[in-house]
């Protein structure tokens, strides 16, 4: 399952259509996708995961539009961004990847 949160009232982010409850087999890959709307070019996109009865944990961030940096992407994950979306790919799924995933949009400057 994927849920998304937004970093501001004028900016929006949410799961891409059909990306709200995904089931895969161990060993397969999965790509989670969120689309966003903002007028800013200075944005960061974040991914988090949350296991039952635990706090969300940070996975990675990646810049989009005018930002190109990314922070140490953990093994087994890939992330891509475009002008209006962000994707998180988890390769070679294991049981420990069963969790709730969040994407978040941070606008640095308007």
N, C-alpha and C. Protein backbone atom coordinates (compact mmCIF):
# COMPACT_ATOMS: atom_id res chain seq x y z
N UNK A 1 0.85 -1.17 0.00
CA UNK A 1 0.00 0.00 0.00
C UNK A 1 0.89 1.23 0.00
N UNK A 2 0.47 2.28 -0.66
CA UNK A 2 1.24 3.52 -0.72
C UNK A 2 0.32 4.68 -0.38
N UNK A 3 0.81 5.54 0.48
CA UNK A 3 0.10 6.77 0.81
C UNK A 3 1.09 7.91 0.65
N UNK A 4 0.61 9.06 0.27
CA UNK A 4 1.49 10.19 0.03
C UNK A 4 1.05 11.39 0.86
N UNK A 5 2.03 12.22 1.23
CA UNK A 5 1.74 13.42 1.99
C UNK A 5 2.31 14.61 1.25
N UNK A 6 1.81 15.78 1.55
CA UNK A 6 2.24 16.98 0.85
C UNK A 6 2.98 17.91 1.79
N UNK A 7 3.91 18.68 1.24
CA UNK A 7 4.68 19.61 2.04
C UNK A 7 4.08 21.01 2.09
N UNK A 8 2.95 21.28 1.49
CA UNK A 8 2.37 22.62 1.52
C UNK A 8 1.00 22.65 0.89
N UNK A 9 0.26 23.74 1.17
CA UNK A 9 -1.12 23.84 0.69
C UNK A 9 -1.21 24.08 -0.81
N UNK A 10 -0.29 24.85 -1.38
CA UNK A 10 -0.35 25.16 -2.81
C UNK A 10 0.29 24.06 -3.65
N UNK A 11 0.95 23.13 -3.01
CA UNK A 11 1.65 22.05 -3.70
C UNK A 11 0.97 20.74 -3.35
N UNK A 12 0.89 19.84 -4.34
CA UNK A 12 0.20 18.58 -4.11
C UNK A 12 1.05 17.41 -4.58
N UNK A 13 0.90 16.30 -3.86
CA UNK A 13 1.53 15.05 -4.27
C UNK A 13 0.59 13.92 -3.89
N UNK A 14 0.54 12.90 -4.71
CA UNK A 14 -0.33 11.77 -4.43
C UNK A 14 0.05 10.57 -5.25
N UNK A 15 -0.47 9.40 -4.87
CA UNK A 15 -0.12 8.19 -5.60
C UNK A 15 -0.64 8.24 -7.03
N UNK A 16 0.12 7.68 -7.94
CA UNK A 16 -0.35 7.55 -9.31
C UNK A 16 -1.52 6.57 -9.32
N UNK A 17 -2.38 6.71 -10.30
CA UNK A 17 -3.56 5.87 -10.37
C UNK A 17 -3.17 4.39 -10.36
N UNK A 18 -3.82 3.63 -9.49
CA UNK A 18 -3.54 2.21 -9.39
C UNK A 18 -2.41 1.85 -8.45
N UNK A 19 -1.75 2.85 -7.84
CA UNK A 19 -0.62 2.58 -6.95
C UNK A 19 -1.00 2.68 -5.48
N UNK A 20 -2.15 2.17 -5.09
CA UNK A 20 -2.54 2.29 -3.69
C UNK A 20 -2.52 0.96 -2.94
N UNK A 21 -2.53 -0.15 -3.61
CA UNK A 21 -2.46 -1.46 -2.95
C UNK A 21 -1.82 -2.44 -3.91
N UNK A 22 -0.52 -2.66 -3.74
CA UNK A 22 0.24 -3.46 -4.69
C UNK A 22 0.71 -4.74 -4.01
N UNK A 23 0.53 -5.85 -4.68
CA UNK A 23 0.97 -7.15 -4.17
C UNK A 23 1.93 -7.77 -5.18
N UNK A 24 3.08 -8.23 -4.68
CA UNK A 24 4.08 -8.89 -5.52
C UNK A 24 4.62 -10.11 -4.79
N UNK A 25 5.27 -10.99 -5.54
CA UNK A 25 5.91 -12.18 -4.99
C UNK A 25 7.35 -11.87 -4.61
N UNK A 26 7.88 -12.64 -3.66
CA UNK A 26 9.29 -12.49 -3.30
C UNK A 26 10.15 -12.71 -4.54
N UNK A 27 11.22 -11.91 -4.66
CA UNK A 27 12.12 -12.00 -5.80
C UNK A 27 11.74 -11.09 -6.95
N UNK A 28 10.48 -10.67 -7.02
CA UNK A 28 10.06 -9.75 -8.07
C UNK A 28 10.50 -8.32 -7.72
N UNK A 29 10.32 -7.43 -8.65
CA UNK A 29 10.54 -6.00 -8.42
C UNK A 29 9.19 -5.29 -8.43
N UNK A 30 9.15 -4.12 -7.82
CA UNK A 30 7.94 -3.31 -7.83
C UNK A 30 8.35 -1.84 -7.99
N UNK A 31 7.55 -1.08 -8.71
CA UNK A 31 7.78 0.35 -8.85
C UNK A 31 6.57 1.08 -8.30
N UNK A 32 6.80 1.94 -7.31
CA UNK A 32 5.78 2.78 -6.72
C UNK A 32 5.91 4.17 -7.33
N UNK A 33 4.81 4.82 -7.59
CA UNK A 33 4.85 6.10 -8.31
C UNK A 33 3.91 7.11 -7.67
N UNK A 34 4.38 8.35 -7.56
CA UNK A 34 3.56 9.48 -7.12
C UNK A 34 3.68 10.60 -8.14
N UNK A 35 2.58 11.30 -8.37
CA UNK A 35 2.61 12.49 -9.21
C UNK A 35 2.47 13.71 -8.31
N UNK A 36 3.04 14.83 -8.76
CA UNK A 36 2.97 16.04 -7.95
C UNK A 36 2.70 17.26 -8.83
N UNK A 37 2.19 18.30 -8.16
CA UNK A 37 1.95 19.59 -8.81
C UNK A 37 2.56 20.67 -7.94
N UNK A 38 3.34 21.54 -8.54
CA UNK A 38 3.92 22.69 -7.87
C UNK A 38 4.39 23.67 -8.94
N UNK A 39 4.42 24.93 -8.58
CA UNK A 39 4.94 25.95 -9.49
C UNK A 39 6.44 26.17 -9.29
N UNK A 40 6.98 25.61 -8.23
CA UNK A 40 8.39 25.81 -7.90
C UNK A 40 9.28 24.89 -8.74
N UNK A 41 10.48 25.33 -9.02
CA UNK A 41 11.49 24.50 -9.67
C UNK A 41 12.50 23.95 -8.68
N UNK A 42 12.44 24.41 -7.43
CA UNK A 42 13.40 24.04 -6.39
C UNK A 42 12.72 23.06 -5.44
N UNK A 43 12.67 21.77 -5.83
CA UNK A 43 11.91 20.79 -5.05
C UNK A 43 12.73 19.55 -4.76
N UNK A 44 12.34 18.89 -3.67
CA UNK A 44 12.93 17.62 -3.26
C UNK A 44 11.81 16.61 -3.07
N UNK A 45 12.07 15.40 -3.47
CA UNK A 45 11.09 14.32 -3.34
C UNK A 45 11.67 13.25 -2.42
N UNK A 46 10.89 12.86 -1.42
CA UNK A 46 11.33 11.93 -0.38
C UNK A 46 10.51 10.66 -0.42
N UNK A 47 11.13 9.56 -0.02
CA UNK A 47 10.43 8.28 0.16
C UNK A 47 10.69 7.76 1.57
N UNK A 48 9.63 7.26 2.19
CA UNK A 48 9.68 6.67 3.53
C UNK A 48 8.95 5.34 3.50
N UNK A 49 9.24 4.49 4.48
CA UNK A 49 8.46 3.25 4.65
C UNK A 49 8.09 3.12 6.12
N UNK A 50 6.95 2.48 6.36
CA UNK A 50 6.48 2.31 7.72
C UNK A 50 6.00 0.88 7.92
N UNK A 51 6.62 0.22 8.90
CA UNK A 51 6.18 -1.12 9.29
C UNK A 51 5.07 -0.98 10.32
N UNK A 52 4.21 -1.99 10.46
CA UNK A 52 3.12 -1.91 11.44
C UNK A 52 3.63 -1.58 12.84
N UNK A 53 2.92 -0.68 13.51
CA UNK A 53 3.23 -0.27 14.89
C UNK A 53 4.61 0.35 15.06
N UNK A 54 5.15 0.95 13.99
CA UNK A 54 6.45 1.62 14.06
C UNK A 54 6.35 2.97 13.39
N UNK A 55 7.31 3.84 13.68
CA UNK A 55 7.36 5.15 13.05
C UNK A 55 7.86 5.01 11.62
N UNK A 56 7.44 5.93 10.74
CA UNK A 56 7.99 5.91 9.37
C UNK A 56 9.51 6.06 9.40
N UNK A 57 10.20 5.38 8.48
CA UNK A 57 11.65 5.51 8.39
C UNK A 57 12.03 6.03 7.01
N UNK A 58 12.98 6.92 7.02
CA UNK A 58 13.48 7.56 5.80
C UNK A 58 14.18 6.52 4.93
N UNK A 59 13.91 6.56 3.63
CA UNK A 59 14.62 5.72 2.67
C UNK A 59 15.60 6.56 1.86
N UNK A 60 15.09 7.61 1.18
CA UNK A 60 15.95 8.41 0.31
C UNK A 60 15.27 9.72 -0.06
N UNK A 61 16.08 10.65 -0.58
CA UNK A 61 15.52 11.83 -1.23
C UNK A 61 16.23 12.04 -2.54
N UNK A 62 15.53 12.73 -3.43
CA UNK A 62 16.09 13.01 -4.75
C UNK A 62 15.53 14.33 -5.24
N UNK A 63 16.37 15.13 -5.86
CA UNK A 63 15.93 16.40 -6.41
C UNK A 63 15.19 16.21 -7.72
N UNK A 64 14.38 17.20 -8.04
CA UNK A 64 13.66 17.21 -9.32
C UNK A 64 13.67 18.62 -9.87
N UNK A 65 13.40 18.72 -11.14
CA UNK A 65 13.42 19.99 -11.87
C UNK A 65 14.80 20.62 -11.78
N UNK A 66 14.97 21.73 -11.07
CA UNK A 66 16.28 22.39 -11.05
C UNK A 66 17.27 21.71 -10.11
N UNK A 67 16.81 20.82 -9.26
CA UNK A 67 17.69 20.10 -8.33
C UNK A 67 18.08 18.77 -8.95
N UNK A 68 19.33 18.38 -8.81
CA UNK A 68 19.75 17.11 -9.38
C UNK A 68 20.41 16.19 -8.36
N UNK A 69 20.59 16.67 -7.14
CA UNK A 69 21.25 15.86 -6.12
C UNK A 69 20.36 14.72 -5.65
N UNK A 70 21.02 13.73 -5.07
CA UNK A 70 20.32 12.66 -4.40
C UNK A 70 21.17 12.24 -3.23
N UNK A 71 20.55 11.62 -2.27
CA UNK A 71 21.25 11.20 -1.06
C UNK A 71 21.37 9.69 -1.08
N UNK A 72 22.58 9.17 -0.92
CA UNK A 72 22.86 7.75 -0.78
C UNK A 72 21.65 6.84 -0.89
N UNK A 73 21.41 6.34 -2.07
CA UNK A 73 20.28 5.44 -2.28
C UNK A 73 20.68 4.05 -1.80
N UNK A 74 19.91 3.49 -0.86
CA UNK A 74 20.26 2.18 -0.30
C UNK A 74 20.23 1.08 -1.36
N UNK A 75 21.00 0.03 -1.12
CA UNK A 75 21.01 -1.13 -2.01
C UNK A 75 19.60 -1.68 -2.14
N UNK A 76 19.28 -2.10 -3.34
CA UNK A 76 17.97 -2.69 -3.60
C UNK A 76 16.91 -1.69 -4.02
N UNK A 77 17.22 -0.39 -3.93
CA UNK A 77 16.27 0.65 -4.31
C UNK A 77 16.82 1.44 -5.49
N UNK A 78 15.91 1.93 -6.32
CA UNK A 78 16.23 2.88 -7.38
C UNK A 78 15.16 3.96 -7.35
N UNK A 79 15.53 5.17 -7.72
CA UNK A 79 14.55 6.25 -7.76
C UNK A 79 14.76 7.08 -9.01
N UNK A 80 13.65 7.47 -9.63
CA UNK A 80 13.69 8.37 -10.77
C UNK A 80 12.69 9.48 -10.53
N UNK A 81 12.96 10.63 -11.12
CA UNK A 81 12.04 11.76 -11.03
C UNK A 81 11.86 12.36 -12.42
N UNK A 82 10.73 13.02 -12.60
CA UNK A 82 10.47 13.77 -13.82
C UNK A 82 9.93 15.13 -13.41
N UNK A 83 9.41 15.86 -14.36
CA UNK A 83 8.84 17.18 -14.07
C UNK A 83 7.58 17.09 -13.22
N UNK A 84 6.92 15.93 -13.22
CA UNK A 84 5.64 15.80 -12.51
C UNK A 84 5.48 14.51 -11.71
N UNK A 85 6.53 13.68 -11.62
CA UNK A 85 6.37 12.43 -10.89
C UNK A 85 7.67 11.96 -10.26
N UNK A 86 7.52 11.04 -9.31
CA UNK A 86 8.66 10.37 -8.70
C UNK A 86 8.33 8.89 -8.61
N UNK A 87 9.35 8.06 -8.79
CA UNK A 87 9.17 6.63 -8.70
C UNK A 87 10.21 6.03 -7.76
N UNK A 88 9.78 5.02 -7.04
CA UNK A 88 10.67 4.23 -6.20
C UNK A 88 10.55 2.78 -6.66
N UNK A 89 11.68 2.20 -7.08
CA UNK A 89 11.70 0.80 -7.47
C UNK A 89 12.42 0.01 -6.40
N UNK A 90 11.79 -1.08 -5.98
CA UNK A 90 12.39 -2.00 -5.02
C UNK A 90 12.68 -3.28 -5.80
N UNK A 91 13.96 -3.65 -5.87
CA UNK A 91 14.39 -4.82 -6.62
C UNK A 91 14.46 -6.05 -5.71
N UNK A 92 14.23 -7.21 -6.27
CA UNK A 92 14.35 -8.48 -5.55
C UNK A 92 13.65 -8.42 -4.20
N UNK A 93 12.35 -8.27 -4.23
CA UNK A 93 11.56 -8.13 -3.01
C UNK A 93 11.75 -9.30 -2.06
N UNK A 94 11.76 -8.96 -0.77
CA UNK A 94 11.76 -9.95 0.29
C UNK A 94 10.60 -9.62 1.23
N UNK A 95 10.32 -10.51 2.15
CA UNK A 95 9.22 -10.30 3.09
C UNK A 95 9.39 -9.00 3.87
N UNK A 96 10.64 -8.61 4.16
CA UNK A 96 10.87 -7.39 4.94
C UNK A 96 10.46 -6.12 4.18
N UNK A 97 10.22 -6.22 2.88
CA UNK A 97 9.78 -5.06 2.11
C UNK A 97 8.28 -4.82 2.23
N UNK A 98 7.56 -5.72 2.91
CA UNK A 98 6.12 -5.53 3.13
C UNK A 98 5.93 -4.40 4.13
N UNK A 99 5.42 -3.27 3.65
CA UNK A 99 5.28 -2.08 4.49
C UNK A 99 4.38 -1.08 3.78
N UNK A 100 4.11 0.00 4.48
CA UNK A 100 3.40 1.14 3.93
C UNK A 100 4.46 2.13 3.46
N UNK A 101 4.38 2.60 2.21
CA UNK A 101 5.37 3.51 1.64
C UNK A 101 4.75 4.88 1.44
N UNK A 102 5.52 5.91 1.76
CA UNK A 102 5.06 7.30 1.63
C UNK A 102 6.00 8.05 0.69
N UNK A 103 5.43 8.93 -0.12
CA UNK A 103 6.25 9.89 -0.85
C UNK A 103 5.88 11.27 -0.32
N UNK A 104 6.86 12.16 -0.34
CA UNK A 104 6.63 13.51 0.16
C UNK A 104 7.33 14.51 -0.74
N UNK A 105 6.73 15.68 -0.85
CA UNK A 105 7.25 16.78 -1.68
C UNK A 105 7.68 17.90 -0.76
N UNK A 106 8.90 18.39 -0.94
CA UNK A 106 9.38 19.54 -0.18
C UNK A 106 9.76 20.64 -1.17
N UNK A 107 9.10 21.77 -1.04
CA UNK A 107 9.41 22.93 -1.87
C UNK A 107 10.38 23.81 -1.08
N UNK A 108 11.58 24.04 -1.63
CA UNK A 108 12.61 24.78 -0.93
C UNK A 108 12.38 26.28 -1.05
N UNK A 109 12.02 26.76 -2.24
CA UNK A 109 11.82 28.19 -2.45
C UNK A 109 10.76 28.37 -3.54
N UNK A 110 10.02 29.46 -3.46
CA UNK A 110 9.00 29.74 -4.46
C UNK A 110 9.41 30.95 -5.27
